[in-house]
């Protein structure tokens, strides 16, 4: 039996994760085992699931995360490929339960698949989101080609420079990614410093954070919405690069045009 049996809400979330994983692979944003997905599924935990015996020993998170006590997460497995997660999510991901000490977790289903090495960073962000009363439950890390390429330009790494340019490429970007793109300078992947910098960027009111020369980290209510934000931002990056490849610098929408868009559609300015 699978933990998904007779739990349609949880099954739907895992299905969305699988669908998103397939899109990431198709777009070339998930080479080899690149990228990670972690979704808070606590709302789907019934009494039987809460009492479900663990299939692993307690595993240290590396930090105490008090807001996650008793929480459940679906996590992509370490060294697992997105293309395999898309086809067989419960063989390439697992459901974990955070223990009462808030510093350890255990795997409860379906297979003994160790979560990503970036799990502590993801959980730290989820701990922060719960602490601030956010409704966000999904976190996504992926490697969108055009956005990563742009992060190699020091000018684009300045605060909101890339955001303004991306918004100006096509109206939908401002409409569907209204908080823009936070910027985090290069830090060692999976490090506590990177997790802290990401939380600081989200605290500045960004939903998508650019990790210089690495990838992006996005949070949203569900994993598909997190993917959508990255998708629209990367579309704008692609439009910019297509224009440059044709030999010109795109004009972009003017400040007046973007202000008008924000006013009409009640978007942040």
Protein backbone atom coordinates (compact mmCIF):
# COMPACT_ATOMS: atom_id res chain seq x y z
CA UNK A 1 0.00 0.00 0.00
CA UNK A 2 1.01 3.60 -0.56
CA UNK A 3 0.54 6.51 1.82
CA UNK A 4 -1.39 8.11 -1.05
CA UNK A 5 -4.15 5.48 -0.86
CA UNK A 6 -7.44 6.97 0.40
CA UNK A 7 -5.80 10.38 0.81
CA UNK A 8 -6.94 12.29 -2.31
CA UNK A 9 -5.54 15.62 -1.11
CA UNK A 10 -2.06 14.21 -0.58
CA UNK A 11 -2.28 12.26 -3.83
CA UNK A 12 -3.14 15.47 -5.69
CA UNK A 13 -0.15 17.32 -4.19
CA UNK A 14 2.25 14.52 -5.12
CA UNK A 15 0.71 14.46 -8.59
CA UNK A 16 1.40 18.19 -8.96
CA UNK A 17 4.99 17.60 -7.85
CA UNK A 18 5.38 14.87 -10.47
CA UNK A 19 3.89 17.08 -13.19
CA UNK A 20 6.16 19.99 -12.25
CA UNK A 21 9.21 17.73 -12.18
CA UNK A 22 8.41 16.70 -15.74
CA UNK A 23 8.21 20.32 -16.88
CA UNK A 24 11.57 21.11 -15.23
CA UNK A 25 13.22 18.22 -17.09
CA UNK A 26 11.60 19.12 -20.43
CA UNK A 27 12.81 22.71 -20.14
CA UNK A 28 16.38 21.64 -19.46
CA UNK A 29 16.30 23.14 -15.97
CA UNK A 30 17.04 19.85 -14.18
CA UNK A 31 20.18 18.24 -15.52
CA UNK A 32 21.13 14.92 -13.91
CA UNK A 33 19.82 15.16 -10.32
CA UNK A 34 19.70 18.96 -10.32
CA UNK A 35 16.96 20.82 -8.48
CA UNK A 36 14.79 20.13 -5.46
CA UNK A 37 11.16 20.26 -4.39
CA UNK A 38 9.79 20.29 -0.84
CA UNK A 39 6.07 20.66 -0.04
CA UNK A 40 4.42 21.00 3.37
CA UNK A 41 1.65 18.36 3.39
CA UNK A 42 0.71 18.60 7.08
CA UNK A 43 -2.89 19.55 6.29
CA UNK A 44 -3.42 16.09 4.77
CA UNK A 45 -2.12 14.15 7.78
CA UNK A 46 -4.92 12.17 9.42
CA UNK A 47 -4.61 10.27 12.70
CA UNK A 48 -3.49 7.10 10.99
CA UNK A 49 -0.77 8.98 9.15
CA UNK A 50 0.35 10.67 12.37
CA UNK A 51 0.71 7.27 14.03
CA UNK A 52 2.36 5.62 11.05
CA UNK A 53 5.57 3.82 12.07
CA UNK A 54 8.79 5.24 10.69
CA UNK A 55 10.86 3.33 8.16
CA UNK A 56 14.05 5.16 9.16
CA UNK A 57 15.84 6.08 12.33
CA UNK A 58 15.61 9.73 13.44
CA UNK A 59 17.79 11.88 11.18
CA UNK A 60 19.30 15.16 12.37
CA UNK A 61 18.28 18.29 10.49
CA UNK A 62 21.32 20.20 11.76
CA UNK A 63 19.28 22.94 13.41
CA UNK A 64 16.18 23.33 15.55
CA UNK A 65 13.12 24.58 13.68
CA UNK A 66 10.41 25.15 16.31
CA UNK A 67 7.61 26.06 13.91
CA UNK A 68 7.81 22.65 12.21
CA UNK A 69 6.95 20.46 15.21
CA UNK A 70 4.81 17.57 14.01
CA UNK A 71 4.84 18.76 10.39
CA UNK A 72 4.92 16.49 7.35
CA UNK A 73 6.70 17.15 4.05
CA UNK A 74 6.98 15.51 0.68
CA UNK A 75 10.60 15.80 -0.49
CA UNK A 76 12.50 14.90 -3.63
CA UNK A 77 15.15 12.30 -2.86
CA UNK A 78 18.86 12.94 -2.84
CA UNK A 79 20.65 11.97 -6.07
CA UNK A 80 17.24 11.41 -7.70
CA UNK A 81 16.46 12.78 -11.15
CA UNK A 82 13.50 15.06 -11.87
CA UNK A 83 12.62 12.95 -14.91
CA UNK A 84 12.30 9.92 -12.63
CA UNK A 85 10.38 11.88 -9.99
CA UNK A 86 7.92 12.78 -12.74
CA UNK A 87 7.25 9.14 -13.59
CA UNK A 88 7.53 7.49 -10.17
CA UNK A 89 7.22 10.13 -7.42
CA UNK A 90 7.00 7.74 -4.48
CA UNK A 91 10.11 5.88 -5.61
CA UNK A 92 12.11 9.08 -6.03
CA UNK A 93 10.73 11.08 -3.15
CA UNK A 94 9.49 10.42 0.36
CA UNK A 95 7.17 11.69 3.07
CA UNK A 96 8.92 12.78 6.26
CA UNK A 97 7.65 13.68 9.73
CA UNK A 98 9.36 16.31 11.89
CA UNK A 99 9.84 15.02 15.44
CA UNK A 100 8.81 16.82 18.60
CA UNK A 101 12.35 18.05 19.29
CA UNK A 102 12.11 20.02 16.01
CA UNK A 103 15.69 19.01 15.23
CA UNK A 104 15.16 15.56 13.72
CA UNK A 105 12.90 13.95 11.15
CA UNK A 106 12.01 10.42 10.13
CA UNK A 107 10.86 8.91 6.86
CA UNK A 108 7.41 7.36 7.03
CA UNK A 109 6.58 6.52 3.40
CA UNK A 110 6.68 4.97 0.89
CA UNK A 111 10.30 3.90 0.47
CA UNK A 112 13.54 4.57 2.30
CA UNK A 113 14.46 7.47 0.01
CA UNK A 114 16.73 9.96 1.74
CA UNK A 115 15.62 13.54 1.08
CA UNK A 116 17.77 16.01 -0.79
CA UNK A 117 20.96 17.27 0.85
CA UNK A 118 19.38 20.73 0.63
CA UNK A 119 16.53 19.66 2.90
CA UNK A 120 17.81 21.68 5.91
CA UNK A 121 17.80 24.83 3.77
CA UNK A 122 14.29 24.11 2.48
CA UNK A 123 12.99 23.33 5.97
CA UNK A 124 14.55 26.51 7.36
CA UNK A 125 12.60 28.50 4.78
CA UNK A 126 9.38 26.65 5.63
CA UNK A 127 10.00 27.30 9.34
CA UNK A 128 10.33 31.00 8.53
CA UNK A 129 7.18 31.02 6.38
CA UNK A 130 5.08 29.43 9.12
CA UNK A 131 6.53 31.87 11.64
CA UNK A 132 5.40 34.87 9.59
CA UNK A 133 1.93 33.41 9.03
CA UNK A 134 2.44 32.81 5.32
CA UNK A 135 0.12 30.51 3.38
CA UNK A 136 3.03 29.31 1.24
CA UNK A 137 3.59 25.56 1.42
CA UNK A 138 5.83 24.77 -1.56
CA UNK A 139 9.49 25.46 -2.24
CA UNK A 140 11.27 24.89 -5.54
CA UNK A 141 14.93 25.04 -6.49
CA UNK A 142 15.80 24.74 -10.18
CA UNK A 143 18.34 25.88 -12.79
CA UNK A 144 16.57 28.03 -15.45
CA UNK A 145 19.16 28.52 -18.17
CA UNK A 146 18.58 32.14 -19.19
CA UNK A 147 18.23 33.47 -15.64
CA UNK A 148 21.39 31.68 -14.51
CA UNK A 149 23.24 33.12 -17.52
CA UNK A 150 22.14 36.62 -16.55
CA UNK A 151 23.46 36.18 -13.03
CA UNK A 152 26.99 36.07 -14.49
CA UNK A 153 26.61 39.79 -15.25
CA UNK A 154 27.52 41.85 -12.17
CA UNK A 155 25.22 44.69 -13.23
CA UNK A 156 22.20 42.39 -13.14
CA UNK A 157 23.06 41.28 -9.60
CA UNK A 158 22.42 44.77 -8.22
CA UNK A 159 19.13 45.08 -6.32
CA UNK A 160 16.09 45.16 -8.65
CA UNK A 161 18.10 45.92 -11.81
CA UNK A 162 17.20 42.56 -13.32
CA UNK A 163 13.66 42.74 -11.94
CA UNK A 164 12.95 46.02 -13.74
CA UNK A 165 14.42 44.74 -16.98
CA UNK A 166 12.45 41.47 -16.85
CA UNK A 167 9.21 43.26 -16.04
CA UNK A 168 9.74 45.52 -19.06
CA UNK A 169 10.03 42.68 -21.58
CA UNK A 170 6.36 41.63 -21.59
CA UNK A 171 3.35 42.80 -19.51
CA UNK A 172 2.55 39.32 -18.17
CA UNK A 173 5.80 39.21 -16.21
CA UNK A 174 4.83 42.14 -14.01
CA UNK A 175 1.31 40.71 -13.71
CA UNK A 176 2.30 37.17 -12.74
CA UNK A 177 5.59 37.81 -10.91
CA UNK A 178 4.71 41.14 -9.25
CA UNK A 179 7.31 40.86 -6.49
CA UNK A 180 10.17 40.44 -8.90
CA UNK A 181 13.43 38.65 -8.30
CA UNK A 182 15.56 38.85 -5.17
CA UNK A 183 19.32 38.52 -5.61
CA UNK A 184 21.73 36.48 -3.47
CA UNK A 185 25.47 36.54 -4.26
CA UNK A 186 27.24 33.24 -4.80
CA UNK A 187 27.44 31.04 -1.71
CA UNK A 188 28.28 27.38 -1.22
CA UNK A 189 25.29 25.22 -2.25
CA UNK A 190 23.41 23.62 0.66
CA UNK A 191 25.18 25.91 3.16
CA UNK A 192 23.55 27.55 6.17
CA UNK A 193 24.78 30.90 4.86
CA UNK A 194 22.85 30.38 1.62
CA UNK A 195 19.71 29.40 3.55
CA UNK A 196 19.99 32.50 5.74
CA UNK A 197 20.54 34.78 2.73
CA UNK A 198 17.54 33.25 0.99
CA UNK A 199 15.32 33.83 4.02
CA UNK A 200 16.54 37.43 4.20
CA UNK A 201 15.62 37.93 0.54
CA UNK A 202 12.17 36.42 1.04
CA UNK A 203 11.79 38.67 4.09
CA UNK A 204 12.35 41.61 1.72
CA UNK A 205 9.09 40.49 0.05
CA UNK A 206 10.38 38.40 -2.85
CA UNK A 207 8.82 35.07 -3.84
CA UNK A 208 11.64 34.11 -6.22
CA UNK A 209 15.31 34.43 -5.30
CA UNK A 210 18.24 34.27 -7.74
CA UNK A 211 21.28 32.37 -6.48
CA UNK A 212 24.19 33.84 -8.42
CA UNK A 213 25.69 31.41 -10.98
CA UNK A 214 23.56 28.57 -9.57
CA UNK A 215 19.79 28.77 -9.95
CA UNK A 216 16.62 30.11 -8.38
CA UNK A 217 14.63 29.35 -5.25
CA UNK A 218 10.88 30.00 -5.32
CA UNK A 219 8.09 29.74 -2.74
CA UNK A 220 4.34 29.75 -3.29
CA UNK A 221 1.04 28.27 -2.13
CA UNK A 222 1.59 25.17 -4.28
CA UNK A 223 4.40 23.78 -6.39
CA UNK A 224 2.73 24.60 -9.73
CA UNK A 225 2.42 28.25 -8.76
CA UNK A 226 6.09 28.33 -7.74
CA UNK A 227 7.00 26.90 -11.13
CA UNK A 228 4.78 29.44 -12.90
CA UNK A 229 6.63 32.38 -11.33
CA UNK A 230 10.02 31.04 -12.44
CA UNK A 231 8.60 30.26 -15.88
CA UNK A 232 7.35 33.79 -16.55
CA UNK A 233 10.56 35.39 -15.28
CA UNK A 234 12.67 33.11 -17.45
CA UNK A 235 10.45 33.84 -20.48
CA UNK A 236 11.34 37.52 -20.12
CA UNK A 237 15.02 36.63 -19.83
CA UNK A 238 14.69 34.60 -23.03
CA UNK A 239 13.00 37.50 -24.85
CA UNK A 240 15.86 39.81 -23.82
CA UNK A 241 18.49 37.34 -24.98
CA UNK A 242 16.69 36.69 -28.29
CA UNK A 243 16.70 40.43 -28.99
CA UNK A 244 20.39 40.68 -28.15
CA UNK A 245 21.15 37.71 -30.39
CA UNK A 246 19.44 39.58 -33.26
CA UNK A 247 21.87 42.43 -32.73
CA UNK A 248 19.94 45.00 -30.73
CA UNK A 249 19.15 45.91 -27.13
CA UNK A 250 15.38 45.66 -26.60
CA UNK A 251 13.67 48.91 -25.63
CA UNK A 252 11.41 47.30 -23.05
CA UNK A 253 8.28 48.89 -21.67
CA UNK A 254 8.78 52.41 -20.34
CA UNK A 255 8.44 53.29 -16.67
CA UNK A 256 5.19 55.08 -17.52
CA UNK A 257 3.81 51.98 -19.23
CA UNK A 258 4.73 49.75 -16.29
CA UNK A 259 3.20 52.22 -13.83
CA UNK A 260 0.00 52.25 -15.86
CA UNK A 261 -0.05 48.43 -15.84
CA UNK A 262 0.44 48.37 -12.08
CA UNK A 263 -2.35 50.87 -11.52
CA UNK A 264 -4.91 49.19 -13.80
CA UNK A 265 -4.25 45.71 -12.47
CA UNK A 266 -3.66 46.76 -8.84
CA UNK A 267 -0.10 45.44 -8.76
CA UNK A 268 2.69 46.45 -6.38
CA UNK A 269 4.69 49.40 -7.71
